[in-house]
Amino acid sequence: MAKDMMKEIASLCGRRGFIYQSSEIYGGLASCWDYGPLGVELKNNIKDAWWRAVVRLRDDVVGVDTSILMHPDVWVASGHVGAFHDMLVDCLGCKGRFRVDHIEGGKCPTCGGKEFTEPQKFQLMFKTRAGASEATALDVYLRPETAQGIFADFKLIQKTSRLKVPFGIAQIGKSFRNEVTTKSFIFRSREFEQMEMEFFVKPGTDQQWFEHWVDARFMWYKSLGINPDKLRLRPHAKEELAHYALCCTDVEYEFPFGWGELEGIANRSDFDLKSHIEHSRKDLSYFDDDTKEKFIPYVIETSGGIDRTFLVVLLDAYREEVVEGEQRVVLGFDKNIAPVKVAVFPLQRDEKLIGIAQNIYNELRGFMNCFYDQSGNIGRRYRRQDEIGTPYCLTVDFDTLEDKAVTVRDRDTMGQVRVKIADLKSRFLEEFA
């Protein structure tokens, strides 16, 4: 059942234009994905919802967009060069390569063999060269996380924004990890997008802020319309904490393959700023003008994956129903993140109906994403919109010529009401505010 559900979602994504396999015409590149016309709309809506909640609606958080390529010493200071690797072994029987922690009972997951090579380190960062000349080019890395750009720019951002501790710096951006084991569609991939926020606090107040952000981030996922029974908070045990973390709690979702991480909220202490002070020899401490204290802030980090959130809202919204003897596939997205908000149809290919429908479409798409369709049976057009999660369909029919109203169909209830054309804009401005 679980495996079939993931396959069903992947199939729907390809069929309806949410996600495609990268470089598909050349056979594809494993664990790399392209977001199609509907996928990019859904993804952008998730980003906008996060940015609104974390940045725009708060006075104590600002946003940045830092470079993917950074000075290589950044990754020495952060510990990634020395510690960011997997331990791998090769099976001497089938020649497969596996992470050591994925070998259960001493047996090869593929062939059951028990003979392996000695474990070897596998660096998870992608390395490349920056510079015009091979002789002078620097070894640089594609960033494995967006956080270090924030830490490196901490002092600049604090000064130019005139921010006082406590405050946060937020960023949405691409990260890259040369994962050995990728699986479950877009759950784990080599190129992914993160929503990260580093919140800088005075030492001693860090636990209070940690609890604040755990609660805030959990509530945000619920605000996306995700079933709360499939969400949970899981505090990390001591032995699984990252080297920089005093404590960490994950927001998890019950995927078809089991519980998996959506976002981690961690108390990173002053590890990052201290490490960059040591390696860069620059003063990244903070001076409080009110108390005349100088200190290195502690950091509460919230780090979530857009791609995983995308997968969750798809899985959580998916349902199959039988209506009047016919199967209906529905993506019951929360209306605010649905990739298409309203679809506009003329009932038939009549010149007058088409003219009115196109006028309505042109007016509504000025403030929300709409879709226009005049081909095929009206029932089939409804089903196509149900399958991509469109909350409302507007149909212009011959009664429209008399009453200047359209039929508005609700995706979830399939109920239909007549609404005056003159009232459509104000209705949907309020609906999707």
Protein backbone atom coordinates (compact mmCIF):
# COMPACT_ATOMS: atom_id res chain seq x y z
CA MET A 1 0.00 0.00 0.00
CA ALA A 2 2.73 2.46 1.03
CA LYS A 3 4.81 1.79 -2.05
CA ASP A 4 1.76 2.09 -4.31
CA MET A 5 0.83 5.46 -2.78
CA MET A 6 4.24 6.93 -3.53
CA LYS A 7 4.06 5.58 -7.07
CA GLU A 8 0.59 7.04 -7.48
CA ILE A 9 1.75 10.48 -6.38
CA ALA A 10 4.82 10.33 -8.63
CA SER A 11 2.62 9.30 -11.56
CA LEU A 12 0.13 12.10 -10.93
CA CYS A 13 2.99 14.62 -10.68
CA GLY A 14 4.31 13.62 -14.09
CA ARG A 15 0.89 13.35 -15.70
CA ARG A 16 -0.39 16.73 -14.52
CA GLY A 17 2.79 18.81 -14.70
CA PHE A 18 3.89 19.02 -11.07
CA ILE A 19 7.29 17.26 -11.28
CA TYR A 20 9.35 15.65 -14.04
CA GLN A 21 12.50 13.56 -13.93
CA SER A 22 15.45 15.82 -14.73
CA SER A 23 17.00 15.25 -18.19
CA GLU A 24 14.34 12.65 -18.94
CA ILE A 25 15.04 12.62 -22.71
CA TYR A 26 18.55 11.34 -21.88
CA GLY A 27 17.37 8.70 -19.46
CA GLY A 28 17.21 11.03 -16.47
CA LEU A 29 19.64 11.87 -13.68
CA ALA A 30 18.92 10.02 -10.44
CA SER A 31 17.51 12.09 -7.58
CA CYS A 32 17.32 15.32 -9.57
CA TRP A 33 13.90 16.76 -10.38
CA ASP A 34 12.32 19.50 -12.49
CA TYR A 35 9.21 21.31 -11.25
CA GLY A 36 6.63 21.78 -14.00
CA PRO A 37 4.02 24.53 -14.50
CA LEU A 38 1.80 23.40 -11.62
CA GLY A 39 4.71 22.32 -9.46
CA VAL A 40 6.43 25.68 -9.55
CA GLU A 41 3.17 27.42 -8.60
CA LEU A 42 2.63 25.10 -5.62
CA LYS A 43 6.27 25.42 -4.59
CA ASN A 44 6.16 29.22 -4.78
CA ASN A 45 2.96 29.27 -2.72
CA ILE A 46 4.68 27.22 0.00
CA LYS A 47 7.67 29.59 -0.06
CA ASP A 48 5.37 32.62 0.13
CA ALA A 49 3.49 31.12 3.09
CA TRP A 50 6.78 30.51 4.92
CA TRP A 51 8.21 33.94 4.10
CA ARG A 52 5.00 35.62 5.21
CA ALA A 53 4.93 33.76 8.55
CA VAL A 54 8.65 33.97 9.36
CA VAL A 55 9.66 37.35 7.88
CA ARG A 56 6.84 39.67 6.81
CA LEU A 57 4.61 39.24 9.86
CA ARG A 58 7.49 39.65 12.33
CA ASP A 59 9.42 42.78 13.25
CA ASP A 60 12.41 40.79 14.52
CA VAL A 61 13.33 38.80 11.38
CA VAL A 62 14.84 39.99 8.08
CA GLY A 63 15.57 38.07 4.91
CA VAL A 64 18.69 37.52 2.80
CA ASP A 65 19.77 35.57 -0.26
CA THR A 66 23.40 34.48 0.07
CA SER A 67 25.69 32.95 -2.54
CA ILE A 68 25.75 29.22 -3.26
CA LEU A 69 29.54 29.36 -3.70
CA MET A 70 31.50 30.57 -0.69
CA HIS A 71 35.15 30.81 0.35
CA PRO A 72 36.32 27.23 1.09
CA ASP A 73 37.44 28.23 4.60
CA VAL A 74 33.77 28.70 5.50
CA TRP A 75 33.29 24.94 5.28
CA VAL A 76 36.46 24.28 7.29
CA ALA A 77 35.15 26.54 10.06
CA SER A 78 31.68 24.98 9.98
CA GLY A 79 33.11 21.46 10.34
CA HIS A 80 31.79 20.24 6.99
CA VAL A 81 35.20 19.55 5.44
CA GLY A 82 36.30 17.44 8.38
CA ALA A 83 33.06 15.80 9.47
CA PHE A 84 30.44 15.94 6.70
CA HIS A 85 30.75 12.46 5.26
CA ASP A 86 29.15 9.01 5.21
CA MET A 87 31.00 5.79 5.97
CA LEU A 88 30.63 3.40 3.01
CA VAL A 89 31.39 -0.25 2.34
CA ASP A 90 31.33 -2.33 -0.86
CA CYS A 91 29.76 -5.78 -0.90
CA LEU A 92 32.33 -8.25 -2.22
CA GLY A 93 29.52 -10.40 -3.60
CA CYS A 94 27.30 -8.08 -5.68
CA LYS A 95 29.73 -5.11 -5.71
CA GLY A 96 26.99 -2.83 -4.37
CA ARG A 97 27.97 0.20 -2.28
CA PHE A 98 26.13 0.94 0.95
CA ARG A 99 26.23 3.19 3.98
CA VAL A 100 27.51 1.32 7.03
CA ASP A 101 24.43 2.28 9.04
CA HIS A 102 22.22 0.68 6.37
CA ILE A 103 23.80 -2.77 6.82
CA GLU A 104 21.46 -4.66 9.15
CA GLY A 105 22.52 -7.89 10.74
CA GLY A 106 25.82 -7.83 8.87
CA LYS A 107 24.06 -8.77 5.60
CA CYS A 108 24.12 -7.02 2.22
CA PRO A 109 20.69 -5.41 1.57
CA THR A 110 20.85 -6.61 -2.06
CA CYS A 111 22.33 -10.11 -2.13
CA GLY A 112 22.52 -11.12 1.54
CA GLY A 113 26.30 -11.52 1.42
CA LYS A 114 28.36 -11.00 4.56
CA GLU A 115 31.74 -9.94 3.15
CA PHE A 116 32.50 -6.24 2.76
CA THR A 117 35.43 -3.94 2.18
CA GLU A 118 36.77 -1.82 5.02
CA PRO A 119 34.61 1.29 5.65
CA GLN A 120 35.74 4.41 3.79
CA LYS A 121 34.78 8.07 4.16
CA PHE A 122 32.61 9.56 1.40
CA GLN A 123 32.50 13.38 1.30
CA LEU A 124 28.92 14.57 0.84
CA MET A 125 29.79 18.01 -0.52
CA PHE A 126 30.04 18.55 -4.27
CA LYS A 127 33.45 19.99 -5.12
CA THR A 128 34.27 22.19 -8.12
CA ARG A 129 36.92 24.71 -9.19
CA ALA A 130 36.57 28.51 -9.28
CA GLY A 131 38.97 30.59 -11.35
CA ALA A 132 40.07 31.20 -14.92
CA SER A 133 43.36 29.36 -14.60
CA GLU A 134 43.70 25.76 -13.44
CA ALA A 135 46.94 26.70 -11.69
CA THR A 136 45.34 29.42 -9.55
CA ALA A 137 41.77 28.10 -9.28
CA LEU A 138 40.32 27.50 -5.83
CA ASP A 139 38.67 24.28 -4.72
CA VAL A 140 35.15 25.37 -3.78
CA TYR A 141 32.00 23.52 -2.80
CA LEU A 142 28.35 23.76 -3.64
CA ARG A 143 26.85 24.64 -0.27
CA PRO A 144 25.33 21.72 1.66
CA GLU A 145 23.18 24.13 3.71
CA THR A 146 22.15 27.78 3.50
CA ALA A 147 22.91 28.57 7.15
CA GLN A 148 26.61 29.36 6.80
CA GLY A 149 25.96 32.31 4.49
CA ILE A 150 23.86 33.81 7.27
CA PHE A 151 26.57 33.26 9.89
CA ALA A 152 29.28 34.72 7.66
CA ASP A 153 27.17 37.85 7.03
CA PHE A 154 25.87 38.15 10.60
CA LYS A 155 27.75 41.33 11.50
CA LEU A 156 27.01 43.05 8.19
CA ILE A 157 23.29 42.31 8.41
CA GLN A 158 23.07 43.33 12.06
CA LYS A 159 24.74 46.67 11.44
CA THR A 160 23.00 47.63 8.19
CA SER A 161 19.56 46.60 9.48
CA ARG A 162 20.19 48.14 12.94
CA LEU A 163 18.79 45.03 14.56
CA LYS A 164 18.98 44.32 18.27
CA VAL A 165 19.27 40.88 19.82
CA PRO A 166 17.01 38.90 19.79
CA PHE A 167 16.54 38.91 16.01
CA GLY A 168 16.50 36.46 13.14
CA ILE A 169 17.86 36.18 9.60
CA ALA A 170 15.88 34.06 7.16
CA GLN A 171 16.72 32.58 3.78
CA ILE A 172 15.23 30.33 1.12
CA GLY A 173 17.75 28.74 -1.21
CA LYS A 174 19.21 25.73 -2.97
CA SER A 175 21.56 23.31 -1.24
CA PHE A 176 23.42 20.30 -2.59
CA ARG A 177 24.47 17.00 -1.03
CA ASN A 178 26.02 14.07 -2.85
CA GLU A 179 23.75 11.59 -1.09
CA VAL A 180 24.74 7.95 -1.46
CA THR A 181 21.24 6.66 -0.81
CA THR A 182 18.31 8.53 -2.33
CA LYS A 183 14.77 7.25 -2.18
CA SER A 184 11.06 7.93 -1.91
CA PHE A 185 10.63 10.30 -4.85
CA ILE A 186 11.61 13.83 -3.76
CA PHE A 187 11.96 13.00 -0.04
CA ARG A 188 15.74 12.73 -0.37
CA SER A 189 17.55 14.19 -3.37
CA ARG A 190 20.93 15.62 -4.29
CA GLU A 191 19.67 19.11 -5.12
CA PHE A 192 17.03 20.55 -2.81
CA GLU A 193 15.68 23.80 -1.47
CA GLN A 194 15.72 24.86 2.17
CA MET A 195 13.75 27.34 4.29
CA GLU A 196 16.14 28.30 7.08
CA MET A 197 16.09 30.92 9.80
CA GLU A 198 18.83 31.66 12.32
CA PHE A 199 17.51 33.47 15.41
CA PHE A 200 20.24 35.18 17.47
CA VAL A 201 19.59 35.44 21.21
CA LYS A 202 21.33 36.40 24.43
CA PRO A 203 22.88 33.39 26.22
CA GLY A 204 20.56 32.32 29.01
CA THR A 205 17.42 33.07 27.01
CA ASP A 206 18.11 30.38 24.42
CA GLN A 207 15.92 27.64 25.90
CA GLN A 208 12.93 29.97 26.05
CA TRP A 209 13.39 30.93 22.41
CA PHE A 210 13.98 27.32 21.41
CA GLU A 211 10.59 26.35 22.84
CA HIS A 212 8.97 29.35 21.16
CA TRP A 213 10.21 28.35 17.73
CA VAL A 214 9.36 24.67 18.18
CA ASP A 215 5.74 25.66 18.84
CA ALA A 216 5.65 28.28 16.07
CA ARG A 217 7.03 25.96 13.42
CA PHE A 218 4.71 23.09 14.36
CA MET A 219 1.71 25.42 14.11
CA TRP A 220 2.85 26.62 10.68
CA TYR A 221 2.61 23.12 9.21
CA LYS A 222 -0.88 22.79 10.65
CA SER A 223 -1.78 26.13 9.02
CA LEU A 224 -1.06 24.58 5.60
CA GLY A 225 -4.06 22.32 6.14
CA ILE A 226 -1.95 19.22 6.88
CA ASN A 227 -3.76 16.59 8.94
CA PRO A 228 -2.53 17.19 12.54
CA ASP A 229 -2.89 13.47 13.31
CA LYS A 230 -0.05 12.84 10.84
CA LEU A 231 2.24 15.45 12.40
CA ARG A 232 4.34 15.08 15.53
CA LEU A 233 7.26 16.63 17.40
CA ARG A 234 10.21 14.34 18.11
CA PRO A 235 12.99 15.56 20.44
CA HIS A 236 16.43 14.17 19.60
CA ALA A 237 18.10 11.80 22.01
CA LYS A 238 21.53 12.89 23.27
CA GLU A 239 23.40 10.37 21.15
CA GLU A 240 21.87 11.62 17.88
CA LEU A 241 22.47 15.34 18.40
CA ALA A 242 24.69 17.09 15.86
CA HIS A 243 28.08 18.21 17.16
CA TYR A 244 26.94 21.83 17.36
CA ALA A 245 23.53 21.27 19.00
CA LEU A 246 22.58 21.56 22.67
CA CYS A 247 19.13 20.24 21.81
CA CYS A 248 17.02 19.62 18.73
CA THR A 249 13.40 18.75 17.94
CA ASP A 250 12.11 17.58 14.57
CA VAL A 251 8.71 18.22 13.06
CA GLU A 252 7.83 14.86 11.51
CA TYR A 253 5.10 13.62 9.16
CA GLU A 254 3.78 10.10 8.81
CA PHE A 255 4.73 9.30 5.21
CA PRO A 256 3.56 6.09 3.52
CA PHE A 257 7.00 4.64 4.34
CA GLY A 258 6.92 5.76 7.99
CA TRP A 259 7.67 8.87 10.06
CA GLY A 260 10.13 11.25 8.42
CA GLU A 261 11.62 14.66 9.18
CA LEU A 262 10.06 17.81 7.75
CA GLU A 263 11.98 20.38 9.74
CA GLY A 264 14.57 20.52 12.50
CA ILE A 265 14.60 23.17 15.21
CA ALA A 266 17.97 23.26 16.98
CA ASN A 267 19.75 25.22 19.68
CA ARG A 268 23.14 25.64 18.00
CA SER A 269 24.59 27.51 21.02
CA ASP A 270 27.39 29.91 19.99
CA PHE A 271 29.22 27.20 18.04
CA ASP A 272 28.96 28.77 14.58
CA LEU A 273 29.87 32.35 15.39
CA LYS A 274 32.71 31.24 17.67
CA SER A 275 34.10 28.98 14.97
CA HIS A 276 33.97 31.74 12.34
CA ILE A 277 35.62 34.16 14.76
CA GLU A 278 38.44 31.67 15.27
CA HIS A 279 39.00 30.94 11.57
CA SER A 280 38.37 34.41 10.09
CA ARG A 281 39.89 36.34 13.02
CA LYS A 282 37.04 38.83 12.70
CA ASP A 283 34.98 40.08 15.64
CA LEU A 284 31.45 38.69 15.28
CA SER A 285 30.38 39.47 18.84
CA TYR A 286 27.40 41.68 19.65
CA PHE A 287 27.41 44.80 21.82
CA ASP A 288 24.19 45.65 23.64
CA ASP A 289 23.87 49.46 23.81
CA ASP A 290 21.28 49.26 26.57
CA THR A 291 23.12 46.97 29.01
CA LYS A 292 26.65 47.76 27.77
CA GLU A 293 27.32 44.02 27.52
CA LYS A 294 29.37 42.36 24.81
CA PHE A 295 28.65 38.71 24.03
CA ILE A 296 28.54 36.09 21.31
CA PRO A 297 24.88 35.31 20.60
CA TYR A 298 23.43 31.83 20.80
CA VAL A 299 21.47 30.69 17.76
CA ILE A 300 18.13 28.94 17.45
CA GLU A 301 17.87 27.46 13.98
CA THR A 302 14.74 26.41 12.12
CA SER A 303 15.59 24.41 9.00
CA GLY A 304 12.89 22.91 6.77
CA GLY A 305 12.86 21.41 3.30
CA ILE A 306 10.59 22.90 0.64
CA ASP A 307 10.68 19.71 -1.42
CA ARG A 308 9.62 17.58 1.54
CA THR A 309 6.88 20.04 2.44
CA PHE A 310 5.76 19.90 -1.20
CA LEU A 311 5.61 16.11 -0.98
CA VAL A 312 3.67 16.24 2.28
CA VAL A 313 0.98 18.61 1.01
CA LEU A 314 0.55 16.37 -2.04
CA LEU A 315 0.27 13.18 0.01
CA ASP A 316 -1.98 14.78 2.59
CA ALA A 317 -4.29 16.32 0.00
CA TYR A 318 -4.67 13.20 -2.16
CA ARG A 319 -7.92 11.29 -2.00
CA GLU A 320 -10.02 9.03 -4.22
CA GLU A 321 -13.81 9.08 -4.16
CA VAL A 322 -16.64 7.40 -6.03
CA VAL A 323 -19.25 9.91 -7.19
CA GLU A 324 -22.33 8.65 -9.02
CA GLY A 325 -20.54 5.45 -9.91
CA GLU A 326 -17.40 7.20 -11.22
CA GLN A 327 -14.05 7.51 -9.51
CA ARG A 328 -12.90 11.02 -8.70
CA VAL A 329 -9.27 11.85 -7.80
CA VAL A 330 -8.98 15.02 -5.72
CA LEU A 331 -6.08 17.04 -4.38
CA GLY A 332 -7.74 18.81 -1.48
CA PHE A 333 -5.07 21.49 -1.03
CA ASP A 334 -5.62 24.30 1.40
CA LYS A 335 -6.99 27.02 -0.87
CA ASN A 336 -4.14 29.41 -0.09
CA ILE A 337 -1.43 27.09 -1.42
CA ALA A 338 -3.40 25.54 -4.32
CA PRO A 339 -1.41 26.11 -7.55
CA VAL A 340 -4.54 27.24 -9.42
CA LYS A 341 -7.16 29.14 -7.45
CA VAL A 342 -9.98 29.39 -9.98
CA ALA A 343 -10.73 27.76 -13.35
CA VAL A 344 -13.00 29.56 -15.80
CA PHE A 345 -15.09 27.68 -18.39
CA PRO A 346 -17.58 28.61 -21.06
CA LEU A 347 -20.23 25.87 -21.03
CA GLN A 348 -20.00 25.44 -24.79
CA ARG A 349 -17.95 26.78 -27.71
CA ASP A 350 -20.35 29.65 -28.20
CA GLU A 351 -18.88 32.98 -29.22
CA LYS A 352 -20.85 34.99 -26.64
CA LEU A 353 -20.08 32.58 -23.79
CA ILE A 354 -16.39 32.45 -24.74
CA GLY A 355 -16.19 36.25 -24.79
CA ILE A 356 -17.67 36.59 -21.30
CA ALA A 357 -15.55 33.76 -19.90
CA GLN A 358 -12.34 35.25 -21.26
CA ASN A 359 -13.20 38.68 -19.81
CA ILE A 360 -13.74 37.10 -16.38
CA TYR A 361 -10.51 35.13 -16.68
CA ASN A 362 -8.50 38.22 -17.64
CA GLU A 363 -9.88 40.19 -14.69
CA LEU A 364 -9.32 37.49 -12.07
CA ARG A 365 -5.82 36.50 -13.15
CA GLY A 366 -4.66 40.02 -12.33
CA PHE A 367 -4.51 39.06 -8.64
CA MET A 368 -4.41 35.24 -8.50
CA ASN A 369 -3.41 32.28 -10.64
CA CYS A 370 -6.31 31.18 -12.85
CA PHE A 371 -6.86 28.62 -15.59
CA TYR A 372 -9.03 28.88 -18.69
CA ASP A 373 -10.42 25.83 -20.51
CA GLN A 374 -13.04 25.64 -23.24
CA SER A 375 -12.44 22.13 -24.57
CA GLY A 376 -14.32 18.95 -23.72
CA ASN A 377 -17.29 17.88 -21.67
CA ILE A 378 -17.90 20.14 -18.64
CA GLY A 379 -17.81 17.13 -16.29
CA ARG A 380 -14.38 16.12 -17.55
CA ARG A 381 -13.15 19.65 -17.15
CA TYR A 382 -14.29 19.59 -13.53
CA ARG A 383 -12.47 16.28 -12.96
CA ARG A 384 -9.25 17.64 -14.41
CA GLN A 385 -9.37 20.59 -12.02
CA ASP A 386 -10.21 18.31 -9.07
CA GLU A 387 -7.09 16.29 -9.82
CA ILE A 388 -4.82 19.35 -9.68
CA GLY A 389 -6.53 20.77 -6.59
CA THR A 390 -8.31 23.85 -7.97
CA PRO A 391 -10.72 25.07 -5.23
CA TYR A 392 -13.30 26.69 -7.53
CA CYS A 393 -14.57 26.37 -11.10
CA LEU A 394 -16.63 29.14 -12.72
CA THR A 395 -18.91 28.20 -15.59
CA VAL A 396 -20.44 30.72 -17.98
CA ASP A 397 -23.68 29.30 -19.39
CA PHE A 398 -26.60 30.59 -21.43
CA ASP A 399 -28.36 31.85 -18.29
CA THR A 400 -25.41 34.19 -17.85
CA LEU A 401 -26.63 36.18 -20.84
CA GLU A 402 -29.79 36.97 -18.86
CA ASP A 403 -28.83 37.11 -15.16
CA LYS A 404 -25.19 38.30 -15.52
CA ALA A 405 -24.13 35.55 -13.12
CA VAL A 406 -21.97 32.41 -13.31
CA THR A 407 -22.08 29.01 -11.65
CA VAL A 408 -19.37 28.66 -8.97
CA ARG A 409 -18.56 25.01 -8.14
CA ASP A 410 -16.76 24.07 -4.93
CA ARG A 411 -14.06 21.38 -5.32
CA ASP A 412 -14.66 19.67 -1.99
CA THR A 413 -18.45 19.69 -1.70
CA MET A 414 -19.16 19.81 -5.45
CA GLY A 415 -21.93 22.24 -4.48
CA GLN A 416 -22.85 24.94 -7.00
CA VAL A 417 -24.11 28.50 -6.45
CA ARG A 418 -24.87 31.41 -8.74
CA VAL A 419 -22.70 34.49 -8.25
CA LYS A 420 -23.04 37.81 -10.04
CA ILE A 421 -20.12 38.57 -12.35
CA ALA A 422 -19.83 42.01 -10.74
CA ASP A 423 -19.26 40.36 -7.33
CA LEU A 424 -16.58 37.84 -8.38
CA LYS A 425 -13.54 40.03 -7.85
CA SER A 426 -14.49 41.17 -4.34
CA ARG A 427 -15.53 37.63 -3.38
CA PHE A 428 -12.22 36.08 -4.37
CA LEU A 429 -10.12 38.96 -3.06
CA GLU A 430 -11.66 38.21 0.33
CA GLU A 431 -11.49 34.43 -0.15
CA PHE A 432 -7.75 34.40 -0.90
CA ALA A 433 -6.68 37.35 1.23
